[in-house]
């Protein structure tokens, strides 16, 4: 490998790293819970709002296949949290 191709590879790696940081910032700043999977359905990333919304550690989901997560249970837990929050707001207003 010559100096030009080595420099090109290094520049491409730097660009890919910056692009990854941009996506991470975008996902972390999202108001919604975000789960990112690879093309095979394995979780690669979840943001902090995913953890808050579904009540599970975001790091325990990484590496799991979406079929093994129990999405129905996660959704039910999130709906229960939302209902409790809305009921609490209603009680405060009355």
C-alpha atoms as a PDB file:
ATOM      1  CA  UNK A   1       0.000   0.000   0.000  1.00  0.00           C
ATOM      2  CA  UNK A   2       1.470   3.337  -0.955  1.00  0.00           C
ATOM      3  CA  UNK A   3       1.270   6.644   0.875  1.00  0.00           C
ATOM      4  CA  UNK A   4      -1.644   7.964  -1.210  1.00  0.00           C
ATOM      5  CA  UNK A   5      -3.850   4.925  -0.653  1.00  0.00           C
ATOM      6  CA  UNK A   6      -2.952   4.862   3.068  1.00  0.00           C
ATOM      7  CA  UNK A   7      -3.983   8.508   3.374  1.00  0.00           C
ATOM      8  CA  UNK A   8      -7.220   7.824   1.506  1.00  0.00           C
ATOM      9  CA  UNK A   9      -8.078   4.928   3.838  1.00  0.00           C
ATOM     10  CA  UNK A  10      -7.325   7.064   6.908  1.00  0.00           C
ATOM     11  CA  UNK A  11      -9.480   9.916   5.580  1.00  0.00           C
ATOM     12  CA  UNK A  12     -12.363   7.521   4.832  1.00  0.00           C
ATOM     13  CA  UNK A  13     -12.159   6.084   8.379  1.00  0.00           C
ATOM     14  CA  UNK A  14     -12.256   9.619   9.802  1.00  0.00           C
ATOM     15  CA  UNK A  15     -15.289  10.497   7.658  1.00  0.00           C
ATOM     16  CA  UNK A  16     -17.094   7.307   8.757  1.00  0.00           C
ATOM     17  CA  UNK A  17     -16.341   8.078  12.407  1.00  0.00           C
ATOM     18  CA  UNK A  18     -17.700  11.634  12.038  1.00  0.00           C
ATOM     19  CA  UNK A  19     -20.813  10.306  10.308  1.00  0.00           C
ATOM     20  CA  UNK A  20     -21.357   7.838  13.186  1.00  0.00           C
ATOM     21  CA  UNK A  21     -21.031  10.676  15.700  1.00  0.00           C
ATOM     22  CA  UNK A  22     -23.573  12.729  13.755  1.00  0.00           C
ATOM     23  CA  UNK A  23     -26.082   9.866  13.802  1.00  0.00           C
ATOM     24  CA  UNK A  24     -25.466   9.227  17.505  1.00  0.00           C
ATOM     25  CA  UNK A  25     -26.143  12.886  18.280  1.00  0.00           C
ATOM     26  CA  UNK A  26     -29.287  12.830  16.155  1.00  0.00           C
ATOM     27  CA  UNK A  27     -30.619   9.694  17.857  1.00  0.00           C
ATOM     28  CA  UNK A  28     -29.750  10.879  21.367  1.00  0.00           C
ATOM     29  CA  UNK A  29     -31.465  14.216  20.865  1.00  0.00           C
ATOM     30  CA  UNK A  30     -34.669  12.640  19.510  1.00  0.00           C
ATOM     31  CA  UNK A  31     -37.721  13.088  21.719  1.00  0.00           C
ATOM     32  CA  UNK A  32     -38.870   9.545  20.889  1.00  0.00           C
ATOM     33  CA  UNK A  33     -37.409   6.234  21.926  1.00  0.00           C
ATOM     34  CA  UNK A  34     -35.127   5.078  19.128  1.00  0.00           C
ATOM     35  CA  UNK A  35     -33.926   1.554  18.395  1.00  0.00           C
ATOM     36  CA  UNK A  36     -31.486   0.926  15.553  1.00  0.00           C
ATOM     37  CA  UNK A  37     -31.029  -2.575  14.149  1.00  0.00           C
ATOM     38  CA  UNK A  38     -28.759  -4.042  11.546  1.00  0.00           C
ATOM     39  CA  UNK A  39     -30.072  -5.625   8.367  1.00  0.00           C
ATOM     40  CA  UNK A  40     -30.633  -8.920  10.223  1.00  0.00           C
ATOM     41  CA  UNK A  41     -32.783  -7.438  12.994  1.00  0.00           C
ATOM     42  CA  UNK A  42     -30.150  -7.324  15.746  1.00  0.00           C
ATOM     43  CA  UNK A  43     -30.220  -4.234  17.948  1.00  0.00           C
ATOM     44  CA  UNK A  44     -27.172  -2.027  17.483  1.00  0.00           C
ATOM     45  CA  UNK A  45     -28.267   1.034  19.438  1.00  0.00           C
ATOM     46  CA  UNK A  46     -31.012   2.476  21.612  1.00  0.00           C
ATOM     47  CA  UNK A  47     -31.230   6.039  22.891  1.00  0.00           C
ATOM     48  CA  UNK A  48     -31.848   7.298  26.421  1.00  0.00           C
ATOM     49  CA  UNK A  49     -35.533   7.997  25.701  1.00  0.00           C
ATOM     50  CA  UNK A  50     -36.009   4.375  24.662  1.00  0.00           C
ATOM     51  CA  UNK A  51     -34.806   3.443  28.131  1.00  0.00           C
ATOM     52  CA  UNK A  52     -37.128   5.950  29.800  1.00  0.00           C
ATOM     53  CA  UNK A  53     -40.124   5.059  27.651  1.00  0.00           C
ATOM     54  CA  UNK A  54     -39.874   1.295  27.941  1.00  0.00           C
ATOM     55  CA  UNK A  55     -38.295   1.023  31.391  1.00  0.00           C
ATOM     56  CA  UNK A  56     -35.427  -1.214  30.336  1.00  0.00           C
ATOM     57  CA  UNK A  57     -31.712  -0.593  30.347  1.00  0.00           C
ATOM     58  CA  UNK A  58     -30.739   0.496  26.886  1.00  0.00           C
ATOM     59  CA  UNK A  59     -27.570  -1.566  27.056  1.00  0.00           C
ATOM     60  CA  UNK A  60     -29.362  -4.863  27.763  1.00  0.00           C
ATOM     61  CA  UNK A  61     -31.148  -4.631  24.411  1.00  0.00           C
ATOM     62  CA  UNK A  62     -27.982  -4.287  22.326  1.00  0.00           C
ATOM     63  CA  UNK A  63     -27.129  -7.493  20.524  1.00  0.00           C
ATOM     64  CA  UNK A  64     -30.603  -9.001  20.937  1.00  0.00           C
ATOM     65  CA  UNK A  65     -32.759  -9.860  17.981  1.00  0.00           C
ATOM     66  CA  UNK A  66     -35.974  -7.831  17.792  1.00  0.00           C
ATOM     67  CA  UNK A  67     -37.988 -11.060  18.004  1.00  0.00           C
ATOM     68  CA  UNK A  68     -36.382 -11.776  21.397  1.00  0.00           C
ATOM     69  CA  UNK A  69     -37.156  -8.416  22.992  1.00  0.00           C
ATOM     70  CA  UNK A  70     -40.875  -8.827  23.639  1.00  0.00           C
ATOM     71  CA  UNK A  71     -42.044  -5.681  21.925  1.00  0.00           C
ATOM     72  CA  UNK A  72     -45.666  -6.209  22.988  1.00  0.00           C
ATOM     73  CA  UNK A  73     -44.683  -6.140  26.657  1.00  0.00           C
ATOM     74  CA  UNK A  74     -42.541  -3.032  26.113  1.00  0.00           C
ATOM     75  CA  UNK A  75     -45.427  -1.232  24.445  1.00  0.00           C
ATOM     76  CA  UNK A  76     -47.827  -2.182  27.229  1.00  0.00           C
ATOM     77  CA  UNK A  77     -45.392  -0.881  29.845  1.00  0.00           C
ATOM     78  CA  UNK A  78     -45.003   2.383  27.934  1.00  0.00           C
ATOM     79  CA  UNK A  79     -48.765   2.811  27.646  1.00  0.00           C
ATOM     80  CA  UNK A  80     -49.179   2.163  31.377  1.00  0.00           C
ATOM     81  CA  UNK A  81     -46.541   4.809  32.129  1.00  0.00           C
ATOM     82  CA  UNK A  82     -48.259   7.291  29.821  1.00  0.00           C
ATOM     83  CA  UNK A  83     -51.648   6.567  31.410  1.00  0.00           C
ATOM     84  CA  UNK A  84     -50.230   7.085  34.913  1.00  0.00           C
ATOM     85  CA  UNK A  85     -48.608  10.333  33.806  1.00  0.00           C
ATOM     86  CA  UNK A  86     -51.820  11.608  32.213  1.00  0.00           C
ATOM     87  CA  UNK A  87     -53.859  10.616  35.267  1.00  0.00           C
ATOM     88  CA  UNK A  88     -51.355  12.441  37.476  1.00  0.00           C
ATOM     89  CA  UNK A  89     -51.618  15.581  35.359  1.00  0.00           C
ATOM     90  CA  UNK A  90     -55.415  15.335  35.462  1.00  0.00           C
ATOM     91  CA  UNK A  91     -55.383  15.004  39.247  1.00  0.00           C
ATOM     92  CA  UNK A  92     -53.116  18.034  39.564  1.00  0.00           C
ATOM     93  CA  UNK A  93     -55.451  20.128  37.414  1.00  0.00           C
ATOM     94  CA  UNK A  94     -58.639  19.263  39.307  1.00  0.00           C
END
